[in-house]
């Protein structure tokens, strides 16, 4: 069976999809690896691919250590797909819990580039403050996105 989500409501339509949502929204982190904070530092805090992509804002947990990360990855049809890619990236290092999501448009044209954060995840729900937090994380990422104009809105889908 494959994970499928309703394109209109975001509802999980298969057992695999329901399991993904359950896994990424679970509050109990009993299976979190007992890794040190140094290990979480190897996971980039912000990854935003060019173009229009769905994003997830997540908390990684390794033992008592947590780290908030953002992923907006091309080629992911659903927000759960983005979370699954992050989970693969963190395998053996940390557990992944989704705290929100939406869409990001990264336009690299021009001298500075623009990044726009907006909308929400139908699968994981509308989370107050998620888009503002995501934009702040991108702005705070002083390496790759230092020259970008970053904006956010809770409007749209």
N, C-alpha and C. Protein backbone atom coordinates (compact mmCIF):
# COMPACT_ATOMS: atom_id res chain seq x y z
N UNK A 1 0.85 -1.19 0.00
CA UNK A 1 0.00 0.00 0.00
C UNK A 1 0.89 1.24 0.00
N UNK A 2 0.42 2.29 -0.55
CA UNK A 2 1.19 3.53 -0.63
C UNK A 2 0.44 4.63 0.11
N UNK A 3 1.18 5.62 0.60
CA UNK A 3 0.53 6.71 1.32
C UNK A 3 -0.10 7.67 0.32
N UNK A 4 -1.33 8.01 0.57
CA UNK A 4 -2.06 8.94 -0.27
C UNK A 4 -2.83 9.90 0.62
N UNK A 5 -2.94 11.13 0.15
CA UNK A 5 -3.65 12.17 0.87
C UNK A 5 -4.67 12.80 -0.07
N UNK A 6 -5.80 13.20 0.47
CA UNK A 6 -6.82 13.87 -0.32
C UNK A 6 -6.28 15.22 -0.78
N UNK A 7 -6.37 15.48 -2.07
CA UNK A 7 -5.82 16.72 -2.62
C UNK A 7 -6.59 17.96 -2.19
N UNK A 8 -7.81 17.79 -1.73
CA UNK A 8 -8.62 18.93 -1.31
C UNK A 8 -8.52 19.15 0.20
N UNK A 9 -8.70 18.09 0.99
CA UNK A 9 -8.74 18.23 2.44
C UNK A 9 -7.41 17.94 3.13
N UNK A 10 -6.50 17.21 2.46
CA UNK A 10 -5.25 16.82 3.09
C UNK A 10 -5.38 15.59 3.97
N UNK A 11 -6.58 15.04 4.07
CA UNK A 11 -6.82 13.88 4.92
C UNK A 11 -6.04 12.67 4.42
N UNK A 12 -5.50 11.91 5.38
CA UNK A 12 -4.81 10.66 5.04
C UNK A 12 -5.84 9.65 4.55
N UNK A 13 -5.59 9.05 3.38
CA UNK A 13 -6.56 8.15 2.77
C UNK A 13 -6.20 6.68 2.87
N UNK A 14 -4.97 6.37 3.24
CA UNK A 14 -4.55 4.98 3.34
C UNK A 14 -3.95 4.72 4.71
N UNK A 15 -3.81 3.45 5.06
CA UNK A 15 -3.20 3.11 6.35
C UNK A 15 -1.77 3.64 6.43
N UNK A 16 -1.03 3.55 5.32
CA UNK A 16 0.34 4.08 5.31
C UNK A 16 0.36 5.58 5.58
N UNK A 17 -0.55 6.31 4.97
CA UNK A 17 -0.62 7.76 5.17
C UNK A 17 -1.02 8.10 6.60
N UNK A 18 -1.98 7.36 7.15
CA UNK A 18 -2.38 7.59 8.55
C UNK A 18 -1.22 7.32 9.50
N UNK A 19 -0.42 6.30 9.21
CA UNK A 19 0.74 5.98 10.03
C UNK A 19 1.79 7.09 9.96
N UNK A 20 2.00 7.65 8.77
CA UNK A 20 2.93 8.77 8.64
C UNK A 20 2.49 9.95 9.50
N UNK A 21 1.23 10.32 9.40
CA UNK A 21 0.72 11.44 10.17
C UNK A 21 0.85 11.16 11.66
N UNK A 22 0.50 9.94 12.08
CA UNK A 22 0.62 9.58 13.50
C UNK A 22 2.07 9.70 13.95
N UNK A 23 2.99 9.17 13.16
CA UNK A 23 4.40 9.17 13.53
C UNK A 23 4.96 10.59 13.62
N UNK A 24 4.58 11.45 12.68
CA UNK A 24 5.15 12.79 12.66
C UNK A 24 4.47 13.76 13.61
N UNK A 25 3.35 13.36 14.22
CA UNK A 25 2.68 14.25 15.17
C UNK A 25 2.69 13.69 16.58
N UNK A 26 3.31 12.54 16.79
CA UNK A 26 3.35 11.93 18.11
C UNK A 26 4.12 12.83 19.07
N UNK A 27 3.59 12.97 20.28
CA UNK A 27 4.26 13.79 21.28
C UNK A 27 5.25 12.98 22.10
N UNK A 28 5.05 11.68 22.19
CA UNK A 28 5.96 10.84 22.95
C UNK A 28 7.17 10.52 22.08
N UNK A 29 8.35 10.78 22.61
CA UNK A 29 9.58 10.53 21.88
C UNK A 29 10.38 9.41 22.55
N UNK A 30 9.70 8.35 22.95
CA UNK A 30 10.36 7.25 23.64
C UNK A 30 11.42 6.58 22.77
N UNK A 31 11.25 6.64 21.46
CA UNK A 31 12.21 6.00 20.56
C UNK A 31 13.33 6.92 20.12
N UNK A 32 13.40 8.12 20.69
CA UNK A 32 14.42 9.07 20.27
C UNK A 32 15.81 8.55 20.62
N UNK A 33 16.73 8.56 19.67
CA UNK A 33 18.09 8.14 19.97
C UNK A 33 18.70 9.03 21.05
N UNK A 34 19.58 8.48 21.84
CA UNK A 34 20.22 9.24 22.92
C UNK A 34 21.53 9.81 22.42
N UNK A 35 21.44 10.66 21.43
CA UNK A 35 22.59 11.28 20.79
C UNK A 35 22.87 12.62 21.48
N UNK A 36 24.05 13.14 21.32
CA UNK A 36 24.41 14.42 21.93
C UNK A 36 24.01 15.58 21.03
N UNK A 37 24.05 16.78 21.60
CA UNK A 37 23.71 17.97 20.83
C UNK A 37 24.62 18.15 19.63
N UNK A 38 25.87 17.73 19.74
CA UNK A 38 26.80 17.84 18.62
C UNK A 38 26.27 17.08 17.42
N UNK A 39 25.63 15.93 17.64
CA UNK A 39 25.09 15.14 16.55
C UNK A 39 23.97 15.88 15.84
N UNK A 40 23.12 16.60 16.56
CA UNK A 40 22.04 17.36 15.92
C UNK A 40 22.58 18.51 15.10
N UNK A 41 23.74 19.02 15.46
CA UNK A 41 24.34 20.12 14.70
C UNK A 41 24.73 19.71 13.29
N UNK A 42 24.85 18.42 13.02
CA UNK A 42 25.20 17.99 11.67
C UNK A 42 24.00 18.07 10.73
N UNK A 43 22.81 18.24 11.28
CA UNK A 43 21.60 18.38 10.48
C UNK A 43 21.38 19.86 10.22
N UNK A 44 21.43 20.30 8.95
CA UNK A 44 21.23 21.73 8.66
C UNK A 44 19.90 22.22 9.22
N UNK A 45 19.92 23.42 9.77
CA UNK A 45 18.71 24.00 10.37
C UNK A 45 17.69 24.38 9.30
N UNK A 46 18.13 24.89 8.16
CA UNK A 46 17.24 25.36 7.10
C UNK A 46 17.69 24.82 5.75
N UNK A 47 16.77 24.19 5.04
CA UNK A 47 17.01 23.80 3.65
C UNK A 47 15.78 24.23 2.86
N UNK A 48 15.99 25.13 1.90
CA UNK A 48 14.91 25.63 1.05
C UNK A 48 15.36 25.51 -0.40
N UNK A 49 14.74 24.61 -1.13
CA UNK A 49 15.06 24.45 -2.55
C UNK A 49 14.42 25.57 -3.37
N UNK A 50 15.02 25.91 -4.51
CA UNK A 50 14.43 26.93 -5.39
C UNK A 50 13.06 26.50 -5.92
N UNK A 51 12.22 27.49 -6.22
CA UNK A 51 10.90 27.22 -6.77
C UNK A 51 9.82 27.27 -5.70
N UNK A 52 8.65 26.75 -6.05
CA UNK A 52 7.49 26.72 -5.15
C UNK A 52 7.39 25.32 -4.57
N UNK A 53 7.52 25.22 -3.24
CA UNK A 53 7.54 23.92 -2.58
C UNK A 53 6.76 23.95 -1.27
N UNK A 54 6.26 22.80 -0.89
CA UNK A 54 5.65 22.65 0.43
C UNK A 54 6.77 22.58 1.45
N UNK A 55 6.52 23.13 2.65
CA UNK A 55 7.52 23.07 3.70
C UNK A 55 6.93 22.51 4.97
N UNK A 56 7.81 21.97 5.81
CA UNK A 56 7.44 21.57 7.17
C UNK A 56 8.42 22.19 8.14
N UNK A 57 7.89 22.60 9.27
CA UNK A 57 8.67 23.07 10.41
C UNK A 57 8.62 21.93 11.41
N UNK A 58 9.78 21.44 11.83
CA UNK A 58 9.84 20.23 12.65
C UNK A 58 10.74 20.42 13.86
N UNK A 59 10.53 19.57 14.84
CA UNK A 59 11.42 19.47 15.99
C UNK A 59 12.10 18.12 15.92
N UNK A 60 13.42 18.14 15.96
CA UNK A 60 14.21 16.92 16.06
C UNK A 60 14.48 16.68 17.53
N UNK A 61 14.45 15.41 17.95
CA UNK A 61 14.76 15.08 19.34
C UNK A 61 15.74 13.92 19.37
N UNK A 62 16.80 14.14 20.14
CA UNK A 62 17.79 13.10 20.41
C UNK A 62 18.02 13.11 21.91
N UNK A 63 17.40 12.17 22.61
CA UNK A 63 17.47 12.17 24.07
C UNK A 63 16.79 13.42 24.60
N UNK A 64 17.51 14.20 25.41
CA UNK A 64 16.96 15.43 25.98
C UNK A 64 17.22 16.66 25.12
N UNK A 65 17.86 16.47 23.97
CA UNK A 65 18.25 17.58 23.12
C UNK A 65 17.24 17.72 21.97
N UNK A 66 16.82 18.97 21.70
CA UNK A 66 15.91 19.24 20.59
C UNK A 66 16.51 20.31 19.69
N UNK A 67 16.05 20.31 18.46
CA UNK A 67 16.48 21.32 17.48
C UNK A 67 15.33 21.53 16.50
N UNK A 68 14.98 22.77 16.27
CA UNK A 68 13.94 23.11 15.32
C UNK A 68 14.57 23.25 13.93
N UNK A 69 13.96 22.59 12.93
CA UNK A 69 14.49 22.64 11.56
C UNK A 69 13.37 22.91 10.57
N UNK A 70 13.75 23.40 9.42
CA UNK A 70 12.81 23.75 8.35
C UNK A 70 13.26 23.07 7.07
N UNK A 71 12.31 22.46 6.37
CA UNK A 71 12.60 21.85 5.08
C UNK A 71 11.53 22.23 4.07
N UNK A 72 11.97 22.74 2.91
CA UNK A 72 11.12 23.00 1.74
C UNK A 72 11.83 22.35 0.57
N UNK A 73 11.36 21.17 0.21
CA UNK A 73 12.09 20.33 -0.75
C UNK A 73 11.31 20.16 -2.05
N UNK A 74 12.01 20.31 -3.16
CA UNK A 74 11.38 20.09 -4.46
C UNK A 74 11.08 18.61 -4.63
N UNK A 75 10.08 18.32 -5.43
CA UNK A 75 9.73 16.93 -5.73
C UNK A 75 8.86 16.26 -4.70
N UNK A 76 8.41 16.98 -3.70
CA UNK A 76 7.55 16.40 -2.66
C UNK A 76 6.12 16.85 -2.89
N UNK A 77 5.24 15.90 -3.16
CA UNK A 77 3.85 16.22 -3.46
C UNK A 77 3.07 16.64 -2.23
N UNK A 78 3.38 16.02 -1.09
CA UNK A 78 2.65 16.28 0.15
C UNK A 78 3.61 16.72 1.24
N UNK A 79 3.05 17.41 2.25
CA UNK A 79 3.86 17.82 3.39
C UNK A 79 4.48 16.60 4.08
N UNK A 80 3.74 15.51 4.15
CA UNK A 80 4.27 14.28 4.77
C UNK A 80 5.47 13.75 4.00
N UNK A 81 5.52 13.98 2.69
CA UNK A 81 6.69 13.56 1.91
C UNK A 81 7.94 14.34 2.33
N UNK A 82 7.77 15.63 2.59
CA UNK A 82 8.89 16.45 3.05
C UNK A 82 9.37 15.93 4.41
N UNK A 83 8.42 15.64 5.31
CA UNK A 83 8.78 15.11 6.63
C UNK A 83 9.48 13.77 6.51
N UNK A 84 9.02 12.94 5.60
CA UNK A 84 9.66 11.63 5.41
C UNK A 84 11.11 11.79 4.92
N UNK A 85 11.35 12.75 4.03
CA UNK A 85 12.73 13.00 3.58
C UNK A 85 13.61 13.46 4.73
N UNK A 86 13.07 14.31 5.60
CA UNK A 86 13.82 14.75 6.78
C UNK A 86 14.08 13.56 7.70
N UNK A 87 13.10 12.71 7.87
CA UNK A 87 13.27 11.52 8.70
C UNK A 87 14.40 10.64 8.16
N UNK A 88 14.47 10.48 6.85
CA UNK A 88 15.56 9.71 6.24
C UNK A 88 16.91 10.36 6.53
N UNK A 89 16.93 11.68 6.44
CA UNK A 89 18.16 12.43 6.70
C UNK A 89 18.63 12.24 8.14
N UNK A 90 17.69 12.09 9.06
CA UNK A 90 17.99 12.01 10.49
C UNK A 90 18.01 10.59 11.04
N UNK A 91 17.88 9.61 10.19
CA UNK A 91 17.82 8.21 10.64
C UNK A 91 19.01 7.90 11.54
N UNK A 92 18.71 7.39 12.72
CA UNK A 92 19.74 7.03 13.68
C UNK A 92 20.26 8.19 14.49
N UNK A 93 19.86 9.40 14.14
CA UNK A 93 20.32 10.59 14.85
C UNK A 93 19.22 11.13 15.76
N UNK A 94 17.99 11.25 15.22
CA UNK A 94 16.91 11.91 15.96
C UNK A 94 15.56 11.46 15.43
N UNK A 95 14.53 11.67 16.26
CA UNK A 95 13.17 11.51 15.79
C UNK A 95 12.68 12.85 15.26
N UNK A 96 11.66 12.80 14.42
CA UNK A 96 11.13 13.99 13.76
C UNK A 96 9.68 14.17 14.17
N UNK A 97 9.32 15.39 14.61
CA UNK A 97 7.93 15.71 14.90
C UNK A 97 7.58 16.98 14.14
N UNK A 98 6.53 16.91 13.32
CA UNK A 98 6.07 18.06 12.54
C UNK A 98 5.26 18.98 13.45
N UNK A 99 5.59 20.27 13.43
CA UNK A 99 4.80 21.23 14.21
C UNK A 99 4.02 22.18 13.31
N UNK A 100 4.24 22.11 12.01
CA UNK A 100 3.46 22.94 11.09
C UNK A 100 4.04 22.88 9.69
N UNK A 101 3.38 23.57 8.80
CA UNK A 101 3.84 23.59 7.42
C UNK A 101 3.05 24.57 6.58
N UNK A 102 3.45 24.70 5.35
CA UNK A 102 2.81 25.60 4.41
C UNK A 102 3.54 25.51 3.09
N UNK A 103 3.71 26.66 2.44
CA UNK A 103 4.42 26.70 1.17
C UNK A 103 5.47 27.79 1.20
N UNK A 104 6.51 27.58 0.41
CA UNK A 104 7.58 28.56 0.28
C UNK A 104 7.88 28.72 -1.20
N UNK A 105 7.96 29.96 -1.63
CA UNK A 105 8.44 30.27 -2.97
C UNK A 105 9.81 30.90 -2.83
N UNK A 106 10.80 30.26 -3.41
CA UNK A 106 12.17 30.81 -3.44
C UNK A 106 12.49 31.18 -4.87
N UNK A 107 12.67 32.48 -5.11
CA UNK A 107 12.97 33.02 -6.43
C UNK A 107 14.39 33.57 -6.39
N UNK A 108 15.28 32.94 -7.13
CA UNK A 108 16.68 33.34 -7.12
C UNK A 108 17.02 34.40 -8.16
N UNK A 109 16.03 34.85 -8.94
CA UNK A 109 16.30 35.88 -9.94
C UNK A 109 16.61 37.20 -9.27
N UNK A 110 17.37 38.02 -9.92
CA UNK A 110 17.72 39.32 -9.38
C UNK A 110 18.99 39.24 -8.55
N UNK A 111 19.38 40.39 -8.03
CA UNK A 111 20.63 40.45 -7.27
C UNK A 111 20.51 39.84 -5.89
N UNK A 112 19.33 39.93 -5.29
CA UNK A 112 19.21 39.45 -3.91
C UNK A 112 18.40 38.18 -3.78
N UNK A 113 17.40 37.99 -4.58
CA UNK A 113 16.51 36.85 -4.43
C UNK A 113 15.40 37.15 -3.44
N UNK A 114 14.30 36.41 -3.58
CA UNK A 114 13.15 36.58 -2.71
C UNK A 114 12.69 35.22 -2.20
N UNK A 115 12.24 35.21 -0.96
CA UNK A 115 11.62 34.02 -0.38
C UNK A 115 10.32 34.46 0.27
N UNK A 116 9.23 33.77 -0.10
CA UNK A 116 7.90 34.08 0.43
C UNK A 116 7.35 32.84 1.12
N UNK A 117 6.98 32.96 2.39
CA UNK A 117 6.42 31.88 3.19
C UNK A 117 4.93 32.18 3.37
N UNK A 118 4.07 31.20 3.09
CA UNK A 118 2.63 31.45 3.18
C UNK A 118 1.86 30.14 3.32
N UNK A 119 0.56 30.25 3.51
CA UNK A 119 -0.34 29.10 3.50
C UNK A 119 -0.24 28.23 4.74
N UNK A 120 -0.64 26.97 4.58
CA UNK A 120 -0.68 26.02 5.68
C UNK A 120 -0.68 24.61 5.12
N UNK A 121 -0.53 23.64 6.00
CA UNK A 121 -0.59 22.24 5.62
C UNK A 121 -1.98 21.71 5.92
N UNK A 122 -2.65 21.20 4.90
CA UNK A 122 -3.97 20.60 5.13
C UNK A 122 -3.83 19.33 5.97
N UNK A 123 -2.76 18.60 5.79
CA UNK A 123 -2.56 17.35 6.52
C UNK A 123 -2.25 17.59 7.99
N UNK A 124 -1.36 18.53 8.28
CA UNK A 124 -0.93 18.76 9.66
C UNK A 124 -1.64 19.93 10.32
N UNK A 125 -2.47 20.62 9.58
CA UNK A 125 -3.28 21.68 10.16
C UNK A 125 -2.64 23.05 10.10
N UNK A 126 -3.47 24.06 10.36
CA UNK A 126 -3.02 25.45 10.40
C UNK A 126 -2.46 25.71 11.80
N UNK A 127 -1.22 26.15 11.87
CA UNK A 127 -0.55 26.36 13.15
C UNK A 127 -0.22 27.84 13.30
N UNK A 128 -0.85 28.52 14.26
CA UNK A 128 -0.57 29.94 14.45
C UNK A 128 0.92 30.19 14.69
N UNK A 129 1.47 31.16 13.98
CA UNK A 129 2.86 31.55 14.16
C UNK A 129 3.86 30.73 13.36
N UNK A 130 3.42 29.67 12.71
CA UNK A 130 4.34 28.78 11.98
C UNK A 130 5.05 29.52 10.85
N UNK A 131 4.33 30.26 10.06
CA UNK A 131 4.93 30.93 8.91
C UNK A 131 5.90 32.03 9.34
N UNK A 132 5.54 32.74 10.38
CA UNK A 132 6.44 33.77 10.90
C UNK A 132 7.72 33.13 11.43
N UNK A 133 7.60 32.02 12.17
CA UNK A 133 8.77 31.32 12.69
C UNK A 133 9.65 30.82 11.55
N UNK A 134 9.01 30.26 10.50
CA UNK A 134 9.76 29.76 9.36
C UNK A 134 10.54 30.89 8.69
N UNK A 135 9.89 32.03 8.48
CA UNK A 135 10.56 33.18 7.86
C UNK A 135 11.72 33.66 8.73
N UNK A 136 11.53 33.68 10.03
CA UNK A 136 12.59 34.10 10.94
C UNK A 136 13.78 33.14 10.87
N UNK A 137 13.49 31.85 10.79
CA UNK A 137 14.58 30.86 10.68
C UNK A 137 15.38 31.08 9.39
N UNK A 138 14.67 31.36 8.30
CA UNK A 138 15.35 31.62 7.03
C UNK A 138 16.20 32.88 7.13
N UNK A 139 15.65 33.92 7.71
CA UNK A 139 16.36 35.18 7.89
C UNK A 139 17.58 35.00 8.79
N UNK A 140 17.44 34.21 9.85
CA UNK A 140 18.53 33.97 10.78
C UNK A 140 19.62 33.08 10.20
N UNK A 141 19.31 32.35 9.13
CA UNK A 141 20.30 31.50 8.49
C UNK A 141 21.26 32.41 7.72
N UNK A 142 22.30 32.85 8.41
CA UNK A 142 23.17 33.90 7.89
C UNK A 142 24.04 33.48 6.71
N UNK A 143 24.04 32.21 6.37
CA UNK A 143 24.90 31.80 5.27
C UNK A 143 24.21 31.98 3.92
N UNK A 144 23.45 31.00 3.50
CA UNK A 144 22.91 30.96 2.15
C UNK A 144 21.89 32.06 1.85
N UNK A 145 21.10 32.46 2.83
CA UNK A 145 19.97 33.37 2.56
C UNK A 145 20.16 34.78 3.11
N UNK A 146 21.38 35.14 3.45
CA UNK A 146 21.64 36.45 4.06
C UNK A 146 21.19 37.61 3.18
N UNK A 147 21.29 37.48 1.86
CA UNK A 147 20.96 38.61 0.98
C UNK A 147 19.52 38.55 0.46
N UNK A 148 18.77 37.54 0.84
CA UNK A 148 17.41 37.39 0.33
C UNK A 148 16.43 38.31 1.05
N UNK A 149 15.42 38.78 0.32
CA UNK A 149 14.29 39.47 0.92
C UNK A 149 13.29 38.37 1.32
N UNK A 150 13.00 38.26 2.61
CA UNK A 150 12.14 37.21 3.12
C UNK A 150 10.86 37.83 3.66
N UNK A 151 9.71 37.30 3.22
CA UNK A 151 8.42 37.78 3.71
C UNK A 151 7.55 36.59 4.08
N UNK A 152 6.53 36.86 4.88
CA UNK A 152 5.62 35.78 5.27
C UNK A 152 4.20 36.31 5.37
N UNK A 153 3.27 35.39 5.26
CA UNK A 153 1.84 35.68 5.39
C UNK A 153 1.14 34.40 5.81
N UNK A 154 0.03 34.52 6.48
CA UNK A 154 -0.78 33.35 6.81
C UNK A 154 -1.84 33.11 5.74
N UNK A 155 -1.88 33.96 4.72
CA UNK A 155 -2.88 33.85 3.66
C UNK A 155 -2.53 32.75 2.68
N UNK A 156 -3.56 32.31 1.96
CA UNK A 156 -3.37 31.41 0.83
C UNK A 156 -3.21 29.96 1.20
N UNK A 157 -3.15 29.19 0.14
CA UNK A 157 -2.81 27.78 0.29
C UNK A 157 -1.89 27.37 -0.80
